[in-house]
Amino acid sequence: NSTWVDASLSKEAVGEVTSYAFKF
């Protein structure tokens, strides 16, 4: 098992940061 695809996306809101990752 090893990471094949790892794409990230960050979204900022009031008082909060959400990070989305797409991992295959």
mmCIF file of all heavy atoms, coordinates in Angstrom:
data_MODEL
# 
_entry.id   MODEL 
# 
loop_
_atom_site.group_PDB 
_atom_site.id 
_atom_site.type_symbol 
_atom_site.label_atom_id 
_atom_site.label_alt_id 
_atom_site.label_comp_id 
_atom_site.label_asym_id 
_atom_site.label_entity_id 
_atom_site.label_seq_id 
_atom_site.pdbx_PDB_ins_code 
_atom_site.Cartn_x 
_atom_site.Cartn_y 
_atom_site.Cartn_z 
_atom_site.occupancy 
_atom_site.B_iso_or_equiv 
_atom_site.pdbx_formal_charge 
_atom_site.auth_seq_id 
_atom_site.auth_comp_id 
_atom_site.auth_asym_id 
_atom_site.auth_atom_id 
_atom_site.pdbx_PDB_model_num 
ATOM 1   N N   . ASN A 1 1  ? 0.838   -1.202 0.000   1.00 0.00 ? 1  ASN A N   1 
ATOM 2   C CA  . ASN A 1 1  ? 0.000   0.000  0.000   1.00 0.00 ? 1  ASN A CA  1 
ATOM 3   C C   . ASN A 1 1  ? 0.871   1.250  0.000   1.00 0.00 ? 1  ASN A C   1 
ATOM 4   O O   . ASN A 1 1  ? 1.740   1.405  0.851   1.00 0.00 ? 1  ASN A O   1 
ATOM 5   C CB  . ASN A 1 1  ? -0.906  -0.006 1.233   1.00 0.00 ? 1  ASN A CB  1 
ATOM 6   C CG  . ASN A 1 1  ? -2.063  0.969  1.086   1.00 0.00 ? 1  ASN A CG  1 
ATOM 7   O OD1 . ASN A 1 1  ? -2.126  1.731  0.132   1.00 0.00 ? 1  ASN A OD1 1 
ATOM 8   N ND2 . ASN A 1 1  ? -2.983  0.922  2.026   1.00 0.00 ? 1  ASN A ND2 1 
ATOM 9   N N   . SER A 1 2  ? 0.669   2.096  -0.969  1.00 0.00 ? 2  SER A N   1 
ATOM 10  C CA  . SER A 1 2  ? 1.335   3.394  -1.012  1.00 0.00 ? 2  SER A CA  1 
ATOM 11  C C   . SER A 1 2  ? 0.427   4.374  -1.739  1.00 0.00 ? 2  SER A C   1 
ATOM 12  O O   . SER A 1 2  ? -0.475  3.978  -2.476  1.00 0.00 ? 2  SER A O   1 
ATOM 13  C CB  . SER A 1 2  ? 2.693   3.297  -1.722  1.00 0.00 ? 2  SER A CB  1 
ATOM 14  O OG  . SER A 1 2  ? 2.533   2.852  -3.059  1.00 0.00 ? 2  SER A OG  1 
ATOM 15  N N   . THR A 1 3  ? 0.650   5.661  -1.517  1.00 0.00 ? 3  THR A N   1 
ATOM 16  C CA  . THR A 1 3  ? -0.202  6.679  -2.127  1.00 0.00 ? 3  THR A CA  1 
ATOM 17  C C   . THR A 1 3  ? 0.059   6.769  -3.623  1.00 0.00 ? 3  THR A C   1 
ATOM 18  O O   . THR A 1 3  ? 1.203   6.863  -4.073  1.00 0.00 ? 3  THR A O   1 
ATOM 19  C CB  . THR A 1 3  ? 0.050   8.046  -1.480  1.00 0.00 ? 3  THR A CB  1 
ATOM 20  O OG1 . THR A 1 3  ? -0.231  7.949  -0.080  1.00 0.00 ? 3  THR A OG1 1 
ATOM 21  C CG2 . THR A 1 3  ? -0.839  9.107  -2.098  1.00 0.00 ? 3  THR A CG2 1 
ATOM 22  N N   . TRP A 1 4  ? -0.999  6.731  -4.383  1.00 0.00 ? 4  TRP A N   1 
ATOM 23  C CA  . TRP A 1 4  ? -0.919  6.785  -5.836  1.00 0.00 ? 4  TRP A CA  1 
ATOM 24  C C   . TRP A 1 4  ? -1.238  8.207  -6.312  1.00 0.00 ? 4  TRP A C   1 
ATOM 25  O O   . TRP A 1 4  ? -0.475  8.831  -7.040  1.00 0.00 ? 4  TRP A O   1 
ATOM 26  C CB  . TRP A 1 4  ? -1.895  5.760  -6.422  1.00 0.00 ? 4  TRP A CB  1 
ATOM 27  C CG  . TRP A 1 4  ? -1.978  5.698  -7.902  1.00 0.00 ? 4  TRP A CG  1 
ATOM 28  C CD1 . TRP A 1 4  ? -0.992  5.984  -8.792  1.00 0.00 ? 4  TRP A CD1 1 
ATOM 29  C CD2 . TRP A 1 4  ? -3.122  5.299  -8.675  1.00 0.00 ? 4  TRP A CD2 1 
ATOM 30  N NE1 . TRP A 1 4  ? -1.441  5.789  -10.078 1.00 0.00 ? 4  TRP A NE1 1 
ATOM 31  C CE2 . TRP A 1 4  ? -2.749  5.369  -10.039 1.00 0.00 ? 4  TRP A CE2 1 
ATOM 32  C CE3 . TRP A 1 4  ? -4.404  4.884  -8.371  1.00 0.00 ? 4  TRP A CE3 1 
ATOM 33  C CZ2 . TRP A 1 4  ? -3.622  5.049  -11.068 1.00 0.00 ? 4  TRP A CZ2 1 
ATOM 34  C CZ3 . TRP A 1 4  ? -5.284  4.552  -9.394  1.00 0.00 ? 4  TRP A CZ3 1 
ATOM 35  C CH2 . TRP A 1 4  ? -4.883  4.640  -10.725 1.00 0.00 ? 4  TRP A CH2 1 
ATOM 36  N N   . VAL A 1 5  ? -2.381  8.738  -5.889  1.00 0.00 ? 5  VAL A N   1 
ATOM 37  C CA  . VAL A 1 5  ? -2.791  10.103 -6.211  1.00 0.00 ? 5  VAL A CA  1 
ATOM 38  C C   . VAL A 1 5  ? -3.213  10.778 -4.911  1.00 0.00 ? 5  VAL A C   1 
ATOM 39  O O   . VAL A 1 5  ? -3.984  10.211 -4.126  1.00 0.00 ? 5  VAL A O   1 
ATOM 40  C CB  . VAL A 1 5  ? -3.955  10.127 -7.218  1.00 0.00 ? 5  VAL A CB  1 
ATOM 41  C CG1 . VAL A 1 5  ? -4.408  11.559 -7.474  1.00 0.00 ? 5  VAL A CG1 1 
ATOM 42  C CG2 . VAL A 1 5  ? -3.557  9.451  -8.520  1.00 0.00 ? 5  VAL A CG2 1 
ATOM 43  N N   . ASP A 1 6  ? -2.703  11.991 -4.673  1.00 0.00 ? 6  ASP A N   1 
ATOM 44  C CA  . ASP A 1 6  ? -3.066  12.731 -3.463  1.00 0.00 ? 6  ASP A CA  1 
ATOM 45  C C   . ASP A 1 6  ? -3.241  14.200 -3.838  1.00 0.00 ? 6  ASP A C   1 
ATOM 46  O O   . ASP A 1 6  ? -2.276  14.949 -3.968  1.00 0.00 ? 6  ASP A O   1 
ATOM 47  C CB  . ASP A 1 6  ? -1.988  12.568 -2.395  1.00 0.00 ? 6  ASP A CB  1 
ATOM 48  C CG  . ASP A 1 6  ? -2.403  13.154 -1.052  1.00 0.00 ? 6  ASP A CG  1 
ATOM 49  O OD1 . ASP A 1 6  ? -3.494  13.759 -0.993  1.00 0.00 ? 6  ASP A OD1 1 
ATOM 50  O OD2 . ASP A 1 6  ? -1.655  12.992 -0.073  1.00 0.00 ? 6  ASP A OD2 1 
ATOM 51  N N   . ALA A 1 7  ? -4.487  14.592 -4.028  1.00 0.00 ? 7  ALA A N   1 
ATOM 52  C CA  . ALA A 1 7  ? -4.801  15.977 -4.400  1.00 0.00 ? 7  ALA A CA  1 
ATOM 53  C C   . ALA A 1 7  ? -5.538  16.640 -3.246  1.00 0.00 ? 7  ALA A C   1 
ATOM 54  O O   . ALA A 1 7  ? -6.426  16.028 -2.630  1.00 0.00 ? 7  ALA A O   1 
ATOM 55  C CB  . ALA A 1 7  ? -5.658  15.995 -5.666  1.00 0.00 ? 7  ALA A CB  1 
ATOM 56  N N   . SER A 1 8  ? -5.176  17.876 -2.952  1.00 0.00 ? 8  SER A N   1 
ATOM 57  C CA  . SER A 1 8  ? -5.763  18.571 -1.802  1.00 0.00 ? 8  SER A CA  1 
ATOM 58  C C   . SER A 1 8  ? -6.416  19.883 -2.239  1.00 0.00 ? 8  SER A C   1 
ATOM 59  O O   . SER A 1 8  ? -6.017  20.507 -3.229  1.00 0.00 ? 8  SER A O   1 
ATOM 60  C CB  . SER A 1 8  ? -4.694  18.868 -0.741  1.00 0.00 ? 8  SER A CB  1 
ATOM 61  O OG  . SER A 1 8  ? -4.131  17.666 -0.248  1.00 0.00 ? 8  SER A OG  1 
ATOM 62  N N   . LEU A 1 9  ? -7.404  20.297 -1.451  1.00 0.00 ? 9  LEU A N   1 
ATOM 63  C CA  . LEU A 1 9  ? -8.123  21.543 -1.711  1.00 0.00 ? 9  LEU A CA  1 
ATOM 64  C C   . LEU A 1 9  ? -8.535  22.130 -0.366  1.00 0.00 ? 9  LEU A C   1 
ATOM 65  O O   . LEU A 1 9  ? -9.074  21.425 0.487   1.00 0.00 ? 9  LEU A O   1 
ATOM 66  C CB  . LEU A 1 9  ? -9.364  21.297 -2.575  1.00 0.00 ? 9  LEU A CB  1 
ATOM 67  C CG  . LEU A 1 9  ? -10.298 22.487 -2.816  1.00 0.00 ? 9  LEU A CG  1 
ATOM 68  C CD1 . LEU A 1 9  ? -9.592  23.530 -3.669  1.00 0.00 ? 9  LEU A CD1 1 
ATOM 69  C CD2 . LEU A 1 9  ? -11.587 22.023 -3.494  1.00 0.00 ? 9  LEU A CD2 1 
ATOM 70  N N   . SER A 1 10 ? -8.247  23.409 -0.129  1.00 0.00 ? 10 SER A N   1 
ATOM 71  C CA  . SER A 1 10 ? -8.592  24.060 1.133   1.00 0.00 ? 10 SER A CA  1 
ATOM 72  C C   . SER A 1 10 ? -9.729  25.061 0.914   1.00 0.00 ? 10 SER A C   1 
ATOM 73  O O   . SER A 1 10 ? -9.788  25.743 -0.108  1.00 0.00 ? 10 SER A O   1 
ATOM 74  C CB  . SER A 1 10 ? -7.381  24.795 1.719   1.00 0.00 ? 10 SER A CB  1 
ATOM 75  O OG  . SER A 1 10 ? -6.361  23.876 2.049   1.00 0.00 ? 10 SER A OG  1 
ATOM 76  N N   . LYS A 1 11 ? -10.594 25.130 1.920   1.00 0.00 ? 11 LYS A N   1 
ATOM 77  C CA  . LYS A 1 11 ? -11.716 26.061 1.867   1.00 0.00 ? 11 LYS A CA  1 
ATOM 78  C C   . LYS A 1 11 ? -11.816 26.776 3.210   1.00 0.00 ? 11 LYS A C   1 
ATOM 79  O O   . LYS A 1 11 ? -11.912 26.130 4.258   1.00 0.00 ? 11 LYS A O   1 
ATOM 80  C CB  . LYS A 1 11 ? -13.013 25.301 1.568   1.00 0.00 ? 11 LYS A CB  1 
ATOM 81  C CG  . LYS A 1 11 ? -14.250 26.190 1.543   1.00 0.00 ? 11 LYS A CG  1 
ATOM 82  C CD  . LYS A 1 11 ? -15.496 25.364 1.291   1.00 0.00 ? 11 LYS A CD  1 
ATOM 83  C CE  . LYS A 1 11 ? -16.738 26.243 1.318   1.00 0.00 ? 11 LYS A CE  1 
ATOM 84  N NZ  . LYS A 1 11 ? -17.980 25.442 1.119   1.00 0.00 ? 11 LYS A NZ  1 
ATOM 85  N N   . GLU A 1 12 ? -11.766 28.094 3.191   1.00 0.00 ? 12 GLU A N   1 
ATOM 86  C CA  . GLU A 1 12 ? -11.797 28.881 4.421   1.00 0.00 ? 12 GLU A CA  1 
ATOM 87  C C   . GLU A 1 12 ? -13.203 29.431 4.649   1.00 0.00 ? 12 GLU A C   1 
ATOM 88  O O   . GLU A 1 12 ? -13.864 29.906 3.738   1.00 0.00 ? 12 GLU A O   1 
ATOM 89  C CB  . GLU A 1 12 ? -10.804 30.043 4.352   1.00 0.00 ? 12 GLU A CB  1 
ATOM 90  C CG  . GLU A 1 12 ? -9.350  29.596 4.261   1.00 0.00 ? 12 GLU A CG  1 
ATOM 91  C CD  . GLU A 1 12 ? -8.395  30.758 4.353   1.00 0.00 ? 12 GLU A CD  1 
ATOM 92  O OE1 . GLU A 1 12 ? -8.845  31.842 4.790   1.00 0.00 ? 12 GLU A OE1 1 
ATOM 93  O OE2 . GLU A 1 12 ? -7.224  30.585 4.007   1.00 0.00 ? 12 GLU A OE2 1 
ATOM 94  N N   . ALA A 1 13 ? -13.620 29.316 5.912   1.00 0.00 ? 13 ALA A N   1 
ATOM 95  C CA  . ALA A 1 13 ? -14.879 29.911 6.343   1.00 0.00 ? 13 ALA A CA  1 
ATOM 96  C C   . ALA A 1 13 ? -14.602 30.700 7.614   1.00 0.00 ? 13 ALA A C   1 
ATOM 97  O O   . ALA A 1 13 ? -13.478 30.714 8.116   1.00 0.00 ? 13 ALA A O   1 
ATOM 98  C CB  . ALA A 1 13 ? -15.931 28.828 6.573   1.00 0.00 ? 13 ALA A CB  1 
ATOM 99  N N   . VAL A 1 14 ? -15.613 31.364 8.155   1.00 0.00 ? 14 VAL A N   1 
ATOM 100 C CA  . VAL A 1 14 ? -15.427 32.191 9.350   1.00 0.00 ? 14 VAL A CA  1 
ATOM 101 C C   . VAL A 1 14 ? -15.013 31.302 10.524  1.00 0.00 ? 14 VAL A C   1 
ATOM 102 O O   . VAL A 1 14 ? -15.770 30.439 10.959  1.00 0.00 ? 14 VAL A O   1 
ATOM 103 C CB  . VAL A 1 14 ? -16.717 32.961 9.687   1.00 0.00 ? 14 VAL A CB  1 
ATOM 104 C CG1 . VAL A 1 14 ? -16.516 33.785 10.973  1.00 0.00 ? 14 VAL A CG1 1 
ATOM 105 C CG2 . VAL A 1 14 ? -17.111 33.866 8.534   1.00 0.00 ? 14 VAL A CG2 1 
ATOM 106 N N   . GLY A 1 15 ? -13.782 31.516 11.007  1.00 0.00 ? 15 GLY A N   1 
ATOM 107 C CA  . GLY A 1 15 ? -13.305 30.770 12.172  1.00 0.00 ? 15 GLY A CA  1 
ATOM 108 C C   . GLY A 1 15 ? -12.988 29.320 11.903  1.00 0.00 ? 15 GLY A C   1 
ATOM 109 O O   . GLY A 1 15 ? -12.782 28.546 12.830  1.00 0.00 ? 15 GLY A O   1 
ATOM 110 N N   . GLU A 1 16 ? -12.938 28.925 10.632  1.00 0.00 ? 16 GLU A N   1 
ATOM 111 C CA  . GLU A 1 16 ? -12.728 27.499 10.356  1.00 0.00 ? 16 GLU A CA  1 
ATOM 112 C C   . GLU A 1 16 ? -12.064 27.330 8.996   1.00 0.00 ? 16 GLU A C   1 
ATOM 113 O O   . GLU A 1 16 ? -12.370 28.053 8.047   1.00 0.00 ? 16 GLU A O   1 
ATOM 114 C CB  . GLU A 1 16 ? -14.063 26.750 10.380  1.00 0.00 ? 16 GLU A CB  1 
ATOM 115 C CG  . GLU A 1 16 ? -13.930 25.257 10.131  1.00 0.00 ? 16 GLU A CG  1 
ATOM 116 C CD  . GLU A 1 16 ? -15.282 24.558 10.192  1.00 0.00 ? 16 GLU A CD  1 
ATOM 117 O OE1 . GLU A 1 16 ? -16.247 25.168 10.714  1.00 0.00 ? 16 GLU A OE1 1 
ATOM 118 O OE2 . GLU A 1 16 ? -15.375 23.415 9.716   1.00 0.00 ? 16 GLU A OE2 1 
ATOM 119 N N   . VAL A 1 17 ? -11.147 26.400 8.922   1.00 0.00 ? 17 VAL A N   1 
ATOM 120 C CA  . VAL A 1 17 ? -10.506 26.036 7.663   1.00 0.00 ? 17 VAL A CA  1 
ATOM 121 C C   . VAL A 1 17 ? -10.780 24.561 7.417   1.00 0.00 ? 17 VAL A C   1 
ATOM 122 O O   . VAL A 1 17 ? -10.530 23.716 8.282   1.00 0.00 ? 17 VAL A O   1 
ATOM 123 C CB  . VAL A 1 17 ? -8.985  26.295 7.689   1.00 0.00 ? 17 VAL A CB  1 
ATOM 124 C CG1 . VAL A 1 17 ? -8.354  25.826 6.385   1.00 0.00 ? 17 VAL A CG1 1 
ATOM 125 C CG2 . VAL A 1 17 ? -8.700  27.768 7.917   1.00 0.00 ? 17 VAL A CG2 1 
ATOM 126 N N   . THR A 1 18 ? -11.313 24.260 6.248   1.00 0.00 ? 18 THR A N   1 
ATOM 127 C CA  . THR A 1 18 ? -11.598 22.870 5.899   1.00 0.00 ? 18 THR A CA  1 
ATOM 128 C C   . THR A 1 18 ? -10.699 22.463 4.749   1.00 0.00 ? 18 THR A C   1 
ATOM 129 O O   . THR A 1 18 ? -10.625 23.164 3.733   1.00 0.00 ? 18 THR A O   1 
ATOM 130 C CB  . THR A 1 18 ? -13.072 22.688 5.488   1.00 0.00 ? 18 THR A CB  1 
ATOM 131 O OG1 . THR A 1 18 ? -13.894 23.107 6.570   1.00 0.00 ? 18 THR A OG1 1 
ATOM 132 C CG2 . THR A 1 18 ? -13.354 21.226 5.164   1.00 0.00 ? 18 THR A CG2 1 
ATOM 133 N N   . SER A 1 19 ? -10.012 21.360 4.909   1.00 0.00 ? 19 SER A N   1 
ATOM 134 C CA  . SER A 1 19 ? -9.107  20.846 3.887   1.00 0.00 ? 19 SER A CA  1 
ATOM 135 C C   . SER A 1 19 ? -9.680  19.547 3.337   1.00 0.00 ? 19 SER A C   1 
ATOM 136 O O   . SER A 1 19 ? -9.987  18.620 4.091   1.00 0.00 ? 19 SER A O   1 
ATOM 137 C CB  . SER A 1 19 ? -7.720  20.583 4.484   1.00 0.00 ? 19 SER A CB  1 
ATOM 138 O OG  . SER A 1 19 ? -6.879  19.947 3.547   1.00 0.00 ? 19 SER A OG  1 
ATOM 139 N N   . TYR A 1 20 ? -9.837  19.505 2.020   1.00 0.00 ? 20 TYR A N   1 
ATOM 140 C CA  . TYR A 1 20 ? -10.344 18.309 1.343   1.00 0.00 ? 20 TYR A CA  1 
ATOM 141 C C   . TYR A 1 20 ? -9.190  17.608 0.631   1.00 0.00 ? 20 TYR A C   1 
ATOM 142 O O   . TYR A 1 20 ? -8.386  18.255 -0.052  1.00 0.00 ? 20 TYR A O   1 
ATOM 143 C CB  . TYR A 1 20 ? -11.416 18.671 0.306   1.00 0.00 ? 20 TYR A CB  1 
ATOM 144 C CG  . TYR A 1 20 ? -12.678 19.253 0.901   1.00 0.00 ? 20 TYR A CG  1 
ATOM 145 C CD1 . TYR A 1 20 ? -12.827 20.630 1.029   1.00 0.00 ? 20 TYR A CD1 1 
ATOM 146 C CD2 . TYR A 1 20 ? -13.713 18.433 1.316   1.00 0.00 ? 20 TYR A CD2 1 
ATOM 147 C CE1 . TYR A 1 20 ? -13.986 21.175 1.566   1.00 0.00 ? 20 TYR A CE1 1 
ATOM 148 C CE2 . TYR A 1 20 ? -14.874 18.962 1.856   1.00 0.00 ? 20 TYR A CE2 1 
ATOM 149 C CZ  . TYR A 1 20 ? -15.002 20.337 1.988   1.00 0.00 ? 20 TYR A CZ  1 
ATOM 150 O OH  . TYR A 1 20 ? -16.145 20.863 2.511   1.00 0.00 ? 20 TYR A OH  1 
ATOM 151 N N   . ALA A 1 21 ? -9.106  16.322 0.801   1.00 0.00 ? 21 ALA A N   1 
ATOM 152 C CA  . ALA A 1 21 ? -8.073  15.537 0.125   1.00 0.00 ? 21 ALA A CA  1 
ATOM 153 C C   . ALA A 1 21 ? -8.735  14.423 -0.668  1.00 0.00 ? 21 ALA A C   1 
ATOM 154 O O   . ALA A 1 21 ? -9.695  13.794 -0.203  1.00 0.00 ? 21 ALA A O   1 
ATOM 155 C CB  . ALA A 1 21 ? -7.094  14.950 1.137   1.00 0.00 ? 21 ALA A CB  1 
ATOM 156 N N   . PHE A 1 22 ? -8.211  14.194 -1.852  1.00 0.00 ? 22 PHE A N   1 
ATOM 157 C CA  . PHE A 1 22 ? -8.689  13.100 -2.705  1.00 0.00 ? 22 PHE A CA  1 
ATOM 158 C C   . PHE A 1 22 ? -7.531  12.129 -2.873  1.00 0.00 ? 22 PHE A C   1 
ATOM 159 O O   . PHE A 1 22 ? -6.535  12.439 -3.528  1.00 0.00 ? 22 PHE A O   1 
ATOM 160 C CB  . PHE A 1 22 ? -9.164  13.642 -4.050  1.00 0.00 ? 22 PHE A CB  1 
ATOM 161 C CG  . PHE A 1 22 ? -10.257 14.654 -3.931  1.00 0.00 ? 22 PHE A CG  1 
ATOM 162 C CD1 . PHE A 1 22 ? -9.970  16.012 -3.784  1.00 0.00 ? 22 PHE A CD1 1 
ATOM 163 C CD2 . PHE A 1 22 ? -11.583 14.266 -3.931  1.00 0.00 ? 22 PHE A CD2 1 
ATOM 164 C CE1 . PHE A 1 22 ? -10.975 16.950 -3.658  1.00 0.00 ? 22 PHE A CE1 1 
ATOM 165 C CE2 . PHE A 1 22 ? -12.609 15.195 -3.803  1.00 0.00 ? 22 PHE A CE2 1 
ATOM 166 C CZ  . PHE A 1 22 ? -12.294 16.545 -3.663  1.00 0.00 ? 22 PHE A CZ  1 
ATOM 167 N N   . LYS A 1 23 ? -7.655  10.956 -2.264  1.00 0.00 ? 23 LYS A N   1 
ATOM 168 C CA  . LYS A 1 23 ? -6.552  10.006 -2.207  1.00 0.00 ? 23 LYS A CA  1 
ATOM 169 C C   . LYS A 1 23 ? -6.927  8.710  -2.907  1.00 0.00 ? 23 LYS A C   1 
ATOM 170 O O   . LYS A 1 23 ? -7.969  8.126  -2.635  1.00 0.00 ? 23 LYS A O   1 
ATOM 171 C CB  . LYS A 1 23 ? -6.183  9.702  -0.746  1.00 0.00 ? 23 LYS A CB  1 
ATOM 172 C CG  . LYS A 1 23 ? -5.687  10.895 0.040   1.00 0.00 ? 23 LYS A CG  1 
ATOM 173 C CD  . LYS A 1 23 ? -5.335  10.497 1.471   1.00 0.00 ? 23 LYS A CD  1 
ATOM 174 C CE  . LYS A 1 23 ? -4.833  11.703 2.261   1.00 0.00 ? 23 LYS A CE  1 
ATOM 175 N NZ  . LYS A 1 23 ? -4.511  11.340 3.666   1.00 0.00 ? 23 LYS A NZ  1 
ATOM 176 N N   . PHE A 1 24 ? -6.036  8.282  -3.789  1.00 0.00 ? 24 PHE A N   1 
ATOM 177 C CA  . PHE A 1 24 ? -6.170  6.979  -4.412  1.00 0.00 ? 24 PHE A CA  1 
ATOM 178 C C   . PHE A 1 24 ? -4.876  6.222  -4.188  1.00 0.00 ? 24 PHE A C   1 
ATOM 179 O O   . PHE A 1 24 ? -3.782  6.765  -4.362  1.00 0.00 ? 24 PHE A O   1 
ATOM 180 C CB  . PHE A 1 24 ? -6.493  7.111  -5.899  1.00 0.00 ? 24 PHE A CB  1 
ATOM 181 C CG  . PHE A 1 24 ? -7.730  7.927  -6.148  1.00 0.00 ? 24 PHE A CG  1 
ATOM 182 C CD1 . PHE A 1 24 ? -7.666  9.134  -6.833  1.00 0.00 ? 24 PHE A CD1 1 
ATOM 183 C CD2 . PHE A 1 24 ? -8.952  7.504  -5.673  1.00 0.00 ? 24 PHE A CD2 1 
ATOM 184 C CE1 . PHE A 1 24 ? -8.803  9.896  -7.039  1.00 0.00 ? 24 PHE A CE1 1 
ATOM 185 C CE2 . PHE A 1 24 ? -10.096 8.266  -5.870  1.00 0.00 ? 24 PHE A CE2 1 
ATOM 186 C CZ  . PHE A 1 24 ? -10.026 9.460  -6.558  1.00 0.00 ? 24 PHE A CZ  1 
# 
